[in-house]
């Protein structure tokens, strides 16, 4: 009977120790579960932040690509406009050279006519002078 009582006391002590270990285990499980939930929330926040940054980066890349395309198109337009302006300037220069040559030719022809006219006037003046001299001598 003493032995049974002693075993009963040991059983109670074991039950108490088991209950205490069980409480400690439950507390540890709750602590771990809370920590896991906190880490999951942090992970979720980090994923959301990463997705937001990724979306911003994609938008920035698209905007940069769009701007680059616009700049390339503007550069090509400017290059074409410069080529046209150069071609037009060359054509205008060629036309001016042709017009200048025509004016030069006209001026040379006018100078020749003027020279002929001066020569004719000199000849006529010489004749008039000769006639006047002949008149006065007579």
Protein backbone atom coordinates (compact mmCIF):
# COMPACT_ATOMS: atom_id res chain seq x y z
CA UNK A 1 0.00 0.00 0.00
CA UNK A 2 2.89 2.27 0.83
CA UNK A 3 4.41 1.38 -2.47
CA UNK A 4 1.21 2.20 -4.31
CA UNK A 5 0.97 5.51 -2.50
CA UNK A 6 4.53 6.30 -3.38
CA UNK A 7 3.90 5.36 -6.99
CA UNK A 8 0.73 7.46 -6.95
CA UNK A 9 2.76 10.43 -5.64
CA UNK A 10 5.35 9.91 -8.34
CA UNK A 11 2.54 9.66 -10.90
CA UNK A 12 1.12 12.97 -9.68
CA UNK A 13 4.55 14.54 -9.79
CA UNK A 14 5.02 13.24 -13.31
CA UNK A 15 1.59 14.51 -14.28
CA UNK A 16 2.48 17.94 -12.84
CA UNK A 17 5.82 17.96 -14.65
CA UNK A 18 4.12 16.83 -17.83
CA UNK A 19 1.52 19.58 -17.46
CA UNK A 20 4.28 22.15 -16.90
CA UNK A 21 6.25 20.89 -19.92
CA UNK A 22 3.05 20.89 -21.93
CA UNK A 23 2.38 24.54 -20.91
CA UNK A 24 5.94 25.50 -21.79
CA UNK A 25 5.61 23.71 -25.14
CA UNK A 26 2.29 25.47 -25.86
CA UNK A 27 3.88 28.85 -24.95
CA UNK A 28 6.85 28.08 -27.20
CA UNK A 29 4.52 27.06 -30.04
CA UNK A 30 2.54 30.30 -29.62
CA UNK A 31 5.77 32.33 -29.60
CA UNK A 32 7.04 30.54 -32.71
CA UNK A 33 3.66 30.93 -34.44
CA UNK A 34 3.63 34.68 -33.65
CA UNK A 35 7.21 35.04 -34.90
CA UNK A 36 6.40 33.07 -38.08
CA UNK A 37 3.34 35.29 -38.66
CA UNK A 38 5.50 38.39 -38.20
CA UNK A 39 8.12 37.08 -40.61
CA UNK A 40 5.44 36.17 -43.14
CA UNK A 41 4.05 39.72 -42.88
CA UNK A 42 7.55 41.17 -43.38
CA UNK A 43 8.10 38.86 -46.34
CA UNK A 44 4.77 39.93 -47.83
CA UNK A 45 5.70 43.61 -47.36
CA UNK A 46 9.10 43.01 -48.94
CA UNK A 47 7.48 41.24 -51.90
CA UNK A 48 5.03 44.11 -52.35
CA UNK A 49 7.85 46.64 -52.19
CA UNK A 50 9.87 44.61 -54.70
CA UNK A 51 6.90 44.41 -57.06
CA UNK A 52 6.34 48.18 -56.74
CA UNK A 53 10.00 48.92 -57.47
CA UNK A 54 9.92 46.48 -60.38
CA UNK A 55 6.82 48.18 -61.80
CA UNK A 56 8.45 51.61 -61.43
CA UNK A 57 11.60 50.32 -63.10
CA UNK A 58 9.60 48.88 -66.00
CA UNK A 59 7.74 52.17 -66.41
CA UNK A 60 11.02 54.10 -66.34
CA UNK A 61 12.55 51.74 -68.91
CA UNK A 62 9.52 52.15 -71.18
CA UNK A 63 9.64 55.94 -70.83
CA UNK A 64 13.38 55.96 -71.56
CA UNK A 65 12.87 53.76 -74.62
CA UNK A 66 10.10 56.06 -75.81
CA UNK A 67 12.26 59.15 -75.32
CA UNK A 68 15.17 57.49 -77.10
CA UNK A 69 12.91 56.63 -80.05
CA UNK A 70 11.59 60.20 -80.15
CA UNK A 71 15.13 61.60 -80.05
CA UNK A 72 16.26 59.24 -82.80
CA UNK A 73 13.30 60.30 -84.96
CA UNK A 74 14.03 63.98 -84.28
CA UNK A 75 17.69 63.42 -85.15
CA UNK A 76 16.74 61.76 -88.44
CA UNK A 77 14.33 64.61 -89.23
CA UNK A 78 17.02 67.18 -88.44
CA UNK A 79 19.53 65.29 -90.56
CA UNK A 80 17.07 65.15 -93.49
CA UNK A 81 16.25 68.86 -93.09
CA UNK A 82 19.96 69.73 -93.03
CA UNK A 83 20.57 67.64 -96.15
CA UNK A 84 17.64 69.37 -97.92
CA UNK A 85 18.88 72.81 -96.83
CA UNK A 86 22.39 71.98 -98.05
CA UNK A 87 21.03 70.75 -101.37
CA UNK A 88 18.87 73.87 -101.75
CA UNK A 89 21.83 76.11 -100.87
CA UNK A 90 23.99 74.31 -103.44
CA UNK A 91 21.28 74.70 -106.08
CA UNK A 92 20.92 78.39 -105.19
CA UNK A 93 24.70 78.81 -105.39
CA UNK A 94 24.77 77.10 -108.79
CA UNK A 95 21.91 79.32 -110.03
CA UNK A 96 23.70 82.42 -108.71
CA UNK A 97 26.89 81.36 -110.51
CA UNK A 98 24.96 80.92 -113.76
CA UNK A 99 23.24 84.31 -113.29
CA UNK A 100 26.56 85.97 -112.46
CA UNK A 101 28.14 84.49 -115.59
CA UNK A 102 25.19 85.78 -117.66
CA UNK A 103 25.55 89.25 -116.11
CA UNK A 104 29.29 89.13 -116.78
CA UNK A 105 28.61 88.21 -120.41
CA UNK A 106 26.06 91.03 -120.69
CA UNK A 107 28.55 93.49 -119.16
CA UNK A 108 31.30 92.42 -121.58
CA UNK A 109 28.92 92.78 -124.52
CA UNK A 110 27.83 96.21 -123.24
CA UNK A 111 31.49 97.22 -122.78
CA UNK A 112 32.23 96.15 -126.36
CA UNK A 113 29.25 98.12 -127.65
CA UNK A 114 30.32 101.08 -125.53
CA UNK A 115 33.85 100.76 -126.89
CA UNK A 116 32.48 100.61 -130.44
CA UNK A 117 30.27 103.61 -129.73
CA UNK A 118 33.19 105.56 -128.26
CA UNK A 119 35.30 104.61 -131.26
CA UNK A 120 32.52 105.73 -133.61
CA UNK A 121 32.14 108.98 -131.65
CA UNK A 122 35.89 109.53 -131.76
CA UNK A 123 35.83 108.90 -135.52
CA UNK A 124 32.87 111.26 -135.97
CA UNK A 125 34.56 113.86 -133.76
CA UNK A 126 37.72 113.53 -135.80
CA UNK A 127 35.69 114.01 -139.00
CA UNK A 128 33.88 117.03 -137.52
CA UNK A 129 37.19 118.46 -136.33
CA UNK A 130 38.74 117.87 -139.74
CA UNK A 131 35.74 119.42 -141.48
CA UNK A 132 35.81 122.37 -139.09
CA UNK A 133 39.52 122.80 -139.66
CA UNK A 134 39.02 122.58 -143.38
CA UNK A 135 36.22 125.11 -143.16
CA UNK A 136 38.29 127.50 -141.15
CA UNK A 137 41.24 127.17 -143.48
CA UNK A 138 39.10 127.99 -146.44
